[in-house]
N, C-alpha and C. Protein backbone atom coordinates (compact mmCIF):
# COMPACT_ATOMS: atom_id res chain seq x y z
N GLU A 1 -48.73 35.36 -48.95
CA GLU A 1 -47.72 35.69 -47.95
C GLU A 1 -47.87 34.82 -46.69
N LYS A 2 -49.13 34.61 -46.28
CA LYS A 2 -49.36 33.79 -45.08
C LYS A 2 -48.89 32.35 -45.29
N GLU A 3 -49.13 31.82 -46.48
CA GLU A 3 -48.72 30.44 -46.76
C GLU A 3 -47.19 30.31 -46.74
N LYS A 4 -46.53 31.28 -47.36
CA LYS A 4 -45.06 31.28 -47.37
C LYS A 4 -44.51 31.34 -45.93
N ALA A 5 -45.11 32.20 -45.11
CA ALA A 5 -44.67 32.34 -43.72
C ALA A 5 -44.92 31.06 -42.93
N LYS A 6 -46.07 30.44 -43.11
CA LYS A 6 -46.38 29.18 -42.41
C LYS A 6 -45.39 28.09 -42.81
N ASN A 7 -45.11 27.98 -44.10
CA ASN A 7 -44.15 26.97 -44.56
C ASN A 7 -42.76 27.20 -43.98
N PHE A 8 -42.36 28.46 -43.92
CA PHE A 8 -41.06 28.79 -43.33
C PHE A 8 -41.04 28.37 -41.85
N ALA A 9 -42.09 28.71 -41.11
CA ALA A 9 -42.16 28.37 -39.69
C ALA A 9 -42.12 26.86 -39.50
N ILE A 10 -42.82 26.12 -40.33
CA ILE A 10 -42.82 24.66 -40.25
C ILE A 10 -41.41 24.11 -40.49
N SER A 11 -40.69 24.74 -41.42
CA SER A 11 -39.33 24.27 -41.73
C SER A 11 -38.37 24.41 -40.55
N LEU A 12 -38.72 25.24 -39.59
CA LEU A 12 -37.87 25.45 -38.41
C LEU A 12 -38.11 24.40 -37.33
N GLY A 13 -39.10 23.55 -37.53
CA GLY A 13 -39.37 22.50 -36.57
C GLY A 13 -40.19 22.98 -35.39
N ASN A 14 -40.28 22.14 -34.40
CA ASN A 14 -41.10 22.41 -33.23
C ASN A 14 -40.28 23.17 -32.17
N LYS A 15 -39.76 24.28 -32.56
CA LYS A 15 -38.93 25.11 -31.68
C LYS A 15 -39.67 26.40 -31.37
N ILE A 16 -39.26 27.06 -30.31
CA ILE A 16 -39.74 28.42 -30.05
C ILE A 16 -39.02 29.32 -31.05
N LYS A 17 -39.79 30.10 -31.78
CA LYS A 17 -39.24 30.91 -32.86
C LYS A 17 -39.15 32.37 -32.42
N ILE A 18 -37.91 32.85 -32.37
CA ILE A 18 -37.64 34.21 -31.92
C ILE A 18 -37.20 35.03 -33.13
N GLY A 19 -37.93 36.08 -33.42
CA GLY A 19 -37.54 36.98 -34.50
C GLY A 19 -36.74 38.13 -33.93
N ILE A 20 -35.58 38.37 -34.53
CA ILE A 20 -34.79 39.54 -34.13
C ILE A 20 -34.61 40.43 -35.35
N ASN A 21 -35.06 41.64 -35.20
CA ASN A 21 -34.83 42.67 -36.21
C ASN A 21 -33.65 43.49 -35.74
N ILE A 22 -32.57 43.49 -36.51
CA ILE A 22 -31.39 44.25 -36.06
C ILE A 22 -31.32 45.63 -36.71
N GLU A 23 -32.14 45.85 -37.72
CA GLU A 23 -32.11 47.12 -38.45
C GLU A 23 -32.98 48.17 -37.80
N GLY A 24 -32.41 49.34 -37.58
CA GLY A 24 -33.19 50.48 -37.13
C GLY A 24 -33.44 51.41 -38.30
N SER A 25 -34.14 52.49 -38.04
CA SER A 25 -34.45 53.44 -39.11
C SER A 25 -33.21 54.21 -39.57
N PHE A 26 -32.17 54.19 -38.76
CA PHE A 26 -30.86 54.72 -39.15
C PHE A 26 -29.80 53.92 -38.39
N PRO A 27 -28.54 53.95 -38.86
CA PRO A 27 -27.51 53.06 -38.29
C PRO A 27 -27.38 53.10 -36.77
N GLU A 28 -27.55 54.26 -36.17
CA GLU A 28 -27.42 54.37 -34.71
C GLU A 28 -28.55 53.68 -33.95
N LYS A 29 -29.60 53.30 -34.66
CA LYS A 29 -30.73 52.60 -34.03
C LYS A 29 -30.70 51.11 -34.34
N SER A 30 -29.55 50.60 -34.73
CA SER A 30 -29.43 49.19 -35.09
C SER A 30 -28.71 48.39 -34.01
N ILE A 31 -29.06 47.11 -33.91
CA ILE A 31 -28.35 46.19 -33.01
C ILE A 31 -27.06 45.79 -33.71
N GLN A 32 -25.95 45.97 -33.05
CA GLN A 32 -24.64 45.68 -33.63
C GLN A 32 -24.31 44.19 -33.50
N LYS A 33 -23.34 43.74 -34.31
CA LYS A 33 -22.99 42.31 -34.36
C LYS A 33 -22.63 41.74 -32.99
N LYS A 34 -21.79 42.41 -32.24
CA LYS A 34 -21.37 41.92 -30.93
C LYS A 34 -22.56 41.83 -29.97
N GLU A 35 -23.45 42.83 -30.06
CA GLU A 35 -24.64 42.82 -29.22
C GLU A 35 -25.56 41.66 -29.61
N LEU A 36 -25.73 41.46 -30.91
CA LEU A 36 -26.55 40.36 -31.40
C LEU A 36 -26.01 39.02 -30.91
N GLU A 37 -24.71 38.86 -31.01
CA GLU A 37 -24.08 37.61 -30.57
C GLU A 37 -24.36 37.35 -29.09
N LYS A 38 -24.20 38.37 -28.25
CA LYS A 38 -24.45 38.21 -26.81
C LYS A 38 -25.91 37.90 -26.53
N ILE A 39 -26.82 38.53 -27.26
CA ILE A 39 -28.25 38.26 -27.09
C ILE A 39 -28.55 36.81 -27.46
N CYS A 40 -28.09 36.39 -28.61
CA CYS A 40 -28.36 35.02 -29.08
C CYS A 40 -27.80 33.97 -28.12
N ILE A 41 -26.56 34.14 -27.72
CA ILE A 41 -25.93 33.18 -26.80
C ILE A 41 -26.65 33.19 -25.45
N GLY A 42 -27.01 34.38 -24.97
CA GLY A 42 -27.73 34.48 -23.70
C GLY A 42 -29.06 33.76 -23.72
N LEU A 43 -29.77 33.86 -24.84
CA LEU A 43 -31.05 33.16 -24.97
C LEU A 43 -30.84 31.66 -25.02
N TYR A 44 -29.87 31.24 -25.82
CA TYR A 44 -29.63 29.80 -26.01
C TYR A 44 -29.09 29.13 -24.75
N ASN A 45 -28.36 29.87 -23.94
CA ASN A 45 -27.84 29.31 -22.69
C ASN A 45 -28.96 28.86 -21.75
N ASN A 46 -30.13 29.49 -21.87
CA ASN A 46 -31.26 29.14 -21.01
C ASN A 46 -32.34 28.32 -21.70
N PHE A 47 -32.40 28.41 -23.03
CA PHE A 47 -33.43 27.71 -23.80
C PHE A 47 -32.81 27.15 -25.07
N THR A 48 -32.55 25.86 -25.08
CA THR A 48 -31.94 25.25 -26.27
C THR A 48 -32.99 24.87 -27.32
N ASN A 49 -34.26 24.92 -26.94
CA ASN A 49 -35.33 24.58 -27.88
C ASN A 49 -35.82 25.83 -28.62
N ILE A 50 -34.85 26.60 -29.14
CA ILE A 50 -35.20 27.84 -29.86
C ILE A 50 -34.57 27.85 -31.24
N LYS A 51 -35.17 28.64 -32.09
CA LYS A 51 -34.59 28.99 -33.38
C LYS A 51 -34.72 30.50 -33.48
N ILE A 52 -33.61 31.16 -33.69
CA ILE A 52 -33.59 32.62 -33.80
C ILE A 52 -33.57 32.98 -35.28
N VAL A 53 -34.53 33.79 -35.67
CA VAL A 53 -34.70 34.20 -37.06
C VAL A 53 -34.34 35.68 -37.17
N ILE A 54 -33.30 35.98 -37.95
CA ILE A 54 -32.92 37.36 -38.18
C ILE A 54 -33.75 37.87 -39.36
N LEU A 55 -34.59 38.85 -39.07
CA LEU A 55 -35.47 39.40 -40.10
C LEU A 55 -34.65 40.20 -41.11
N THR A 56 -35.01 40.10 -42.38
CA THR A 56 -34.21 40.79 -43.39
C THR A 56 -35.04 41.21 -44.60
N GLN A 57 -34.57 42.26 -45.21
CA GLN A 57 -35.15 42.76 -46.46
C GLN A 57 -34.35 42.20 -47.62
N PRO A 58 -34.92 42.20 -48.83
CA PRO A 58 -34.23 41.60 -49.99
C PRO A 58 -32.81 42.13 -50.21
N GLU A 59 -32.64 43.42 -50.11
CA GLU A 59 -31.33 44.01 -50.41
C GLU A 59 -30.29 43.72 -49.32
N LYS A 60 -30.71 43.19 -48.19
CA LYS A 60 -29.78 42.90 -47.09
C LYS A 60 -29.61 41.40 -46.84
N LEU A 61 -30.23 40.55 -47.65
CA LEU A 61 -30.22 39.11 -47.40
C LEU A 61 -28.80 38.54 -47.38
N LEU A 62 -27.98 38.86 -48.37
CA LEU A 62 -26.61 38.32 -48.41
C LEU A 62 -25.78 38.82 -47.23
N GLU A 63 -25.97 40.09 -46.89
CA GLU A 63 -25.26 40.67 -45.75
C GLU A 63 -25.63 39.94 -44.45
N LYS A 64 -26.91 39.64 -44.27
CA LYS A 64 -27.37 38.94 -43.06
C LYS A 64 -26.88 37.49 -43.05
N LYS A 65 -26.86 36.84 -44.23
CA LYS A 65 -26.36 35.46 -44.29
C LYS A 65 -24.89 35.41 -43.88
N LYS A 66 -24.11 36.39 -44.33
CA LYS A 66 -22.69 36.46 -43.96
C LYS A 66 -22.55 36.71 -42.46
N LEU A 67 -23.35 37.60 -41.93
CA LEU A 67 -23.32 37.89 -40.49
C LEU A 67 -23.58 36.61 -39.68
N ILE A 68 -24.58 35.86 -40.09
CA ILE A 68 -24.93 34.62 -39.37
C ILE A 68 -23.82 33.58 -39.52
N LEU A 69 -23.25 33.49 -40.69
CA LEU A 69 -22.12 32.58 -40.91
C LEU A 69 -20.96 32.96 -39.98
N ASP A 70 -20.67 34.26 -39.88
CA ASP A 70 -19.60 34.74 -39.00
C ASP A 70 -19.90 34.42 -37.53
N LEU A 71 -21.16 34.48 -37.13
CA LEU A 71 -21.52 34.17 -35.74
C LEU A 71 -21.29 32.70 -35.43
N GLY A 72 -21.55 31.84 -36.42
CA GLY A 72 -21.32 30.41 -36.23
C GLY A 72 -22.26 29.75 -35.23
N LEU A 73 -23.45 30.26 -35.11
CA LEU A 73 -24.44 29.71 -34.17
C LEU A 73 -25.50 28.99 -34.98
N ASP A 74 -25.56 27.65 -34.86
CA ASP A 74 -26.44 26.87 -35.73
C ASP A 74 -27.92 27.04 -35.42
N TYR A 75 -28.26 27.72 -34.35
CA TYR A 75 -29.65 27.96 -34.00
C TYR A 75 -30.13 29.34 -34.48
N VAL A 76 -29.30 30.02 -35.26
CA VAL A 76 -29.64 31.34 -35.82
C VAL A 76 -29.70 31.22 -37.34
N VAL A 77 -30.80 31.70 -37.92
CA VAL A 77 -30.99 31.66 -39.38
C VAL A 77 -31.52 33.01 -39.85
N THR A 78 -31.41 33.23 -41.15
CA THR A 78 -32.06 34.42 -41.71
C THR A 78 -33.49 34.07 -42.06
N SER A 79 -34.31 35.07 -42.06
CA SER A 79 -35.66 34.88 -42.58
C SER A 79 -35.55 34.77 -44.09
N TYR A 80 -36.61 34.38 -44.71
CA TYR A 80 -36.64 34.51 -46.16
C TYR A 80 -36.73 35.99 -46.47
N SER A 81 -36.50 36.35 -47.68
CA SER A 81 -36.49 37.76 -48.07
C SER A 81 -37.92 38.31 -48.04
N THR A 82 -38.18 39.21 -47.11
CA THR A 82 -39.51 39.81 -47.03
C THR A 82 -39.56 40.99 -48.00
N GLU A 83 -40.30 40.80 -49.07
CA GLU A 83 -40.34 41.78 -50.16
C GLU A 83 -41.18 43.01 -49.81
N SER A 84 -42.13 42.85 -48.91
CA SER A 84 -43.04 43.95 -48.59
C SER A 84 -43.37 43.92 -47.10
N ILE A 85 -44.05 44.94 -46.65
CA ILE A 85 -44.49 44.99 -45.25
C ILE A 85 -45.50 43.87 -44.98
N ILE A 86 -46.24 43.47 -46.00
CA ILE A 86 -47.20 42.36 -45.86
C ILE A 86 -46.44 41.06 -45.62
N ASP A 87 -45.34 40.84 -46.36
CA ASP A 87 -44.48 39.67 -46.13
C ASP A 87 -43.95 39.66 -44.70
N ALA A 88 -43.47 40.81 -44.26
CA ALA A 88 -42.91 40.91 -42.90
C ALA A 88 -43.99 40.62 -41.86
N ALA A 89 -45.18 41.15 -42.07
CA ALA A 89 -46.28 40.92 -41.13
C ALA A 89 -46.66 39.44 -41.08
N ALA A 90 -46.73 38.80 -42.23
CA ALA A 90 -47.08 37.37 -42.27
C ALA A 90 -46.03 36.56 -41.51
N LEU A 91 -44.77 36.91 -41.66
CA LEU A 91 -43.70 36.20 -40.95
C LEU A 91 -43.81 36.44 -39.44
N ILE A 92 -43.97 37.68 -39.04
CA ILE A 92 -44.05 38.02 -37.62
C ILE A 92 -45.21 37.28 -36.95
N GLU A 93 -46.30 37.11 -37.68
CA GLU A 93 -47.44 36.39 -37.12
C GLU A 93 -47.07 34.95 -36.73
N GLN A 94 -46.09 34.37 -37.42
CA GLN A 94 -45.68 32.98 -37.18
C GLN A 94 -44.63 32.83 -36.08
N LEU A 95 -44.08 33.93 -35.60
CA LEU A 95 -43.02 33.89 -34.60
C LEU A 95 -43.60 33.99 -33.19
N ASP A 96 -42.83 33.53 -32.21
CA ASP A 96 -43.31 33.49 -30.83
C ASP A 96 -42.88 34.69 -29.99
N LEU A 97 -41.77 35.30 -30.35
CA LEU A 97 -41.22 36.43 -29.60
C LEU A 97 -40.46 37.31 -30.57
N ILE A 98 -40.57 38.62 -30.39
CA ILE A 98 -39.88 39.58 -31.25
C ILE A 98 -38.95 40.45 -30.39
N ILE A 99 -37.72 40.61 -30.88
CA ILE A 99 -36.75 41.53 -30.26
C ILE A 99 -36.37 42.52 -31.36
N THR A 100 -36.51 43.81 -31.08
CA THR A 100 -36.30 44.80 -32.14
C THR A 100 -36.00 46.18 -31.58
N PRO A 101 -35.22 46.96 -32.32
CA PRO A 101 -35.16 48.39 -31.99
C PRO A 101 -36.55 48.99 -32.25
N ASP A 102 -36.71 50.22 -31.87
CA ASP A 102 -37.96 50.94 -32.08
C ASP A 102 -38.17 51.17 -33.59
N THR A 103 -38.92 50.28 -34.22
CA THR A 103 -39.23 50.39 -35.66
C THR A 103 -40.67 49.94 -35.88
N SER A 104 -41.08 49.92 -37.12
CA SER A 104 -42.44 49.46 -37.46
C SER A 104 -42.67 48.02 -37.03
N ILE A 105 -41.61 47.25 -36.87
CA ILE A 105 -41.74 45.86 -36.44
C ILE A 105 -42.44 45.79 -35.07
N VAL A 106 -42.19 46.76 -34.20
CA VAL A 106 -42.86 46.83 -32.89
C VAL A 106 -44.37 46.88 -33.10
N HIS A 107 -44.82 47.68 -34.04
CA HIS A 107 -46.25 47.90 -34.24
C HIS A 107 -46.91 46.70 -34.92
N ILE A 108 -46.18 46.07 -35.83
CA ILE A 108 -46.71 44.86 -36.47
C ILE A 108 -46.87 43.76 -35.41
N ALA A 109 -45.83 43.56 -34.60
CA ALA A 109 -45.89 42.54 -33.55
C ALA A 109 -47.01 42.86 -32.55
N SER A 110 -47.18 44.13 -32.23
CA SER A 110 -48.25 44.54 -31.32
C SER A 110 -49.62 44.21 -31.91
N ALA A 111 -49.77 44.39 -33.21
CA ALA A 111 -51.05 44.10 -33.86
C ALA A 111 -51.42 42.62 -33.70
N PHE A 112 -50.41 41.74 -33.65
CA PHE A 112 -50.64 40.31 -33.44
C PHE A 112 -50.55 39.92 -31.96
N ASN A 113 -50.37 40.91 -31.09
CA ASN A 113 -50.20 40.70 -29.65
C ASN A 113 -49.07 39.72 -29.34
N LYS A 114 -47.98 39.85 -30.09
CA LYS A 114 -46.79 39.01 -29.85
C LYS A 114 -45.99 39.59 -28.69
N PRO A 115 -45.37 38.73 -27.89
CA PRO A 115 -44.45 39.23 -26.87
C PRO A 115 -43.30 39.99 -27.57
N ILE A 116 -42.97 41.15 -27.02
CA ILE A 116 -41.97 42.02 -27.65
C ILE A 116 -40.98 42.53 -26.61
N ILE A 117 -39.70 42.48 -26.99
CA ILE A 117 -38.66 43.22 -26.28
C ILE A 117 -38.24 44.32 -27.26
N SER A 118 -38.51 45.56 -26.91
CA SER A 118 -38.08 46.66 -27.78
C SER A 118 -36.92 47.39 -27.14
N ILE A 119 -36.05 47.89 -27.98
CA ILE A 119 -34.88 48.64 -27.52
C ILE A 119 -35.06 50.05 -28.05
N HIS A 120 -35.09 50.99 -27.14
CA HIS A 120 -35.48 52.36 -27.49
C HIS A 120 -34.43 53.35 -27.02
N GLU A 121 -34.21 54.38 -27.80
CA GLU A 121 -33.32 55.44 -27.31
C GLU A 121 -33.97 56.09 -26.09
N ASN A 122 -33.19 56.78 -25.30
CA ASN A 122 -33.67 57.38 -24.06
C ASN A 122 -34.40 58.69 -24.38
N ASN A 123 -35.60 58.53 -24.91
CA ASN A 123 -36.41 59.67 -25.31
C ASN A 123 -37.85 59.34 -24.93
N LYS A 124 -38.29 59.82 -23.77
CA LYS A 124 -39.60 59.45 -23.23
C LYS A 124 -40.75 59.96 -24.10
N ASP A 125 -40.59 61.10 -24.77
CA ASP A 125 -41.65 61.60 -25.65
C ASP A 125 -41.85 60.66 -26.83
N SER A 126 -40.76 60.23 -27.43
CA SER A 126 -40.84 59.28 -28.54
C SER A 126 -41.44 57.97 -28.06
N TYR A 127 -41.00 57.50 -26.89
CA TYR A 127 -41.51 56.24 -26.36
C TYR A 127 -43.02 56.34 -26.12
N ARG A 128 -43.46 57.43 -25.56
CA ARG A 128 -44.89 57.60 -25.28
C ARG A 128 -45.71 57.47 -26.57
N LEU A 129 -45.18 57.97 -27.67
CA LEU A 129 -45.88 57.90 -28.96
C LEU A 129 -45.79 56.52 -29.62
N TRP A 130 -44.65 55.85 -29.47
CA TRP A 130 -44.36 54.66 -30.28
C TRP A 130 -44.13 53.38 -29.48
N SER A 131 -44.54 53.35 -28.24
CA SER A 131 -44.28 52.17 -27.40
C SER A 131 -45.09 50.96 -27.87
N PRO A 132 -44.61 49.75 -27.57
CA PRO A 132 -45.36 48.54 -27.92
C PRO A 132 -46.65 48.46 -27.12
N THR A 133 -47.65 47.80 -27.70
CA THR A 133 -48.94 47.68 -27.02
C THR A 133 -49.33 46.22 -26.76
N SER A 134 -48.42 45.29 -27.02
CA SER A 134 -48.71 43.88 -26.73
C SER A 134 -48.92 43.68 -25.23
N SER A 135 -49.68 42.65 -24.89
CA SER A 135 -49.91 42.39 -23.47
C SER A 135 -48.63 41.96 -22.77
N LEU A 136 -47.69 41.36 -23.50
CA LEU A 136 -46.36 41.04 -22.96
C LEU A 136 -45.34 41.88 -23.72
N SER A 137 -44.89 42.94 -23.09
CA SER A 137 -43.85 43.76 -23.74
C SER A 137 -42.96 44.38 -22.68
N LYS A 138 -41.73 44.57 -23.07
CA LYS A 138 -40.77 45.23 -22.19
C LYS A 138 -39.86 46.07 -23.07
N THR A 139 -39.63 47.29 -22.67
CA THR A 139 -38.74 48.17 -23.41
C THR A 139 -37.47 48.39 -22.59
N ILE A 140 -36.35 48.23 -23.26
CA ILE A 140 -35.04 48.50 -22.68
C ILE A 140 -34.60 49.85 -23.23
N PHE A 141 -34.29 50.78 -22.37
CA PHE A 141 -33.87 52.11 -22.82
C PHE A 141 -32.35 52.20 -22.85
N ALA A 142 -31.85 52.78 -23.93
CA ALA A 142 -30.43 53.07 -24.03
C ALA A 142 -30.10 54.26 -23.13
N LYS A 143 -28.84 54.41 -22.82
CA LYS A 143 -28.44 55.60 -22.07
C LYS A 143 -28.46 56.83 -22.97
N SER A 144 -28.27 56.61 -24.25
CA SER A 144 -28.22 57.70 -25.22
C SER A 144 -29.61 58.17 -25.62
N SER A 145 -29.76 59.47 -25.80
CA SER A 145 -31.05 60.00 -26.28
C SER A 145 -31.11 60.00 -27.80
N TYR A 146 -30.00 59.64 -28.44
CA TYR A 146 -29.97 59.54 -29.90
C TYR A 146 -29.40 58.18 -30.27
N GLY A 147 -30.26 57.30 -30.74
CA GLY A 147 -29.81 55.97 -31.11
C GLY A 147 -29.83 55.02 -29.91
N ILE A 148 -29.50 53.76 -30.19
CA ILE A 148 -29.51 52.76 -29.12
C ILE A 148 -28.06 52.40 -28.76
N VAL A 149 -27.44 53.34 -28.08
CA VAL A 149 -26.05 53.19 -27.65
C VAL A 149 -26.07 52.99 -26.14
N ASN A 150 -25.31 52.01 -25.68
CA ASN A 150 -25.21 51.72 -24.24
C ASN A 150 -26.55 51.31 -23.63
N TYR A 151 -27.14 50.24 -24.17
CA TYR A 151 -28.31 49.66 -23.53
C TYR A 151 -27.88 48.36 -22.88
N SER A 152 -28.70 47.87 -21.98
CA SER A 152 -28.34 46.67 -21.21
C SER A 152 -28.71 45.41 -21.99
N ILE A 153 -27.71 44.75 -22.53
CA ILE A 153 -27.91 43.48 -23.23
C ILE A 153 -28.40 42.44 -22.22
N SER A 154 -27.87 42.48 -21.00
CA SER A 154 -28.32 41.50 -20.00
C SER A 154 -29.80 41.68 -19.68
N ASP A 155 -30.32 42.91 -19.72
CA ASP A 155 -31.75 43.13 -19.51
C ASP A 155 -32.56 42.58 -20.68
N VAL A 156 -32.06 42.75 -21.90
CA VAL A 156 -32.75 42.18 -23.07
C VAL A 156 -32.88 40.67 -22.87
N VAL A 157 -31.78 40.03 -22.52
CA VAL A 157 -31.78 38.57 -22.33
C VAL A 157 -32.67 38.18 -21.16
N LYS A 158 -32.58 38.90 -20.05
CA LYS A 158 -33.36 38.58 -18.85
C LYS A 158 -34.86 38.63 -19.15
N TYR A 159 -35.33 39.71 -19.77
CA TYR A 159 -36.76 39.84 -20.05
C TYR A 159 -37.21 38.87 -21.14
N ALA A 160 -36.36 38.64 -22.12
CA ALA A 160 -36.69 37.66 -23.16
C ALA A 160 -36.82 36.28 -22.53
N ASN A 161 -35.92 35.93 -21.63
CA ASN A 161 -35.99 34.62 -20.96
C ASN A 161 -37.27 34.49 -20.13
N THR A 162 -37.70 35.57 -19.51
CA THR A 162 -38.97 35.56 -18.77
C THR A 162 -40.12 35.25 -19.72
N PHE A 163 -40.15 35.91 -20.86
CA PHE A 163 -41.20 35.67 -21.85
C PHE A 163 -41.10 34.25 -22.42
N LEU A 164 -39.87 33.76 -22.62
CA LEU A 164 -39.70 32.41 -23.14
C LEU A 164 -40.25 31.36 -22.18
N GLN A 165 -40.10 31.60 -20.89
CA GLN A 165 -40.67 30.67 -19.90
C GLN A 165 -42.19 30.60 -20.07
N ILE A 166 -42.81 31.74 -20.26
CA ILE A 166 -44.27 31.79 -20.44
C ILE A 166 -44.66 31.09 -21.74
N ILE A 167 -43.94 31.38 -22.81
CA ILE A 167 -44.22 30.76 -24.12
C ILE A 167 -44.06 29.26 -24.02
N GLU A 168 -42.97 28.81 -23.40
CA GLU A 168 -42.69 27.38 -23.28
C GLU A 168 -43.79 26.67 -22.48
N SER A 169 -44.30 27.32 -21.45
CA SER A 169 -45.34 26.69 -20.63
C SER A 169 -46.66 26.51 -21.39
N LYS A 170 -46.84 27.29 -22.45
CA LYS A 170 -48.08 27.20 -23.25
C LYS A 170 -47.96 26.21 -24.39
N LYS A 171 -46.73 25.75 -24.69
CA LYS A 171 -46.54 24.84 -25.84
C LYS A 171 -46.78 23.41 -25.46
């Protein structure tokens, strides 16, 4: 799994690699297409030396490829099909920044101390239990206590851009 992930990362060139997981544990916890588009464009407007990787599971690969085709952004690609949590972890280890709803991806990225922007429903008890533990992390809370509805896309972009400045200075 590690070799496959390294080869994939190499294929993306010498770019800052941003992983975006759009899938939540249920549909209301997912990043929607319009939100994804605004996030991607917002990041690229400030950092053109990026490649955005949309994380995907085998059964969703074609759906994600179509989504990316519809977006028409040449700096956005799908990940290879991660068959297991080990595949996903190996891939996340190769990425520079992770943006995700509150899912297991937060914890995998935290285990590798990756910079994380997490999007969480407005539920402080849940956040207290499941918050990211990376040294660079920021959580954006939705206004909704159920799902990630009405969260600040501009805050996602703003904090991601802050982390990208730090990542870029280390490269």
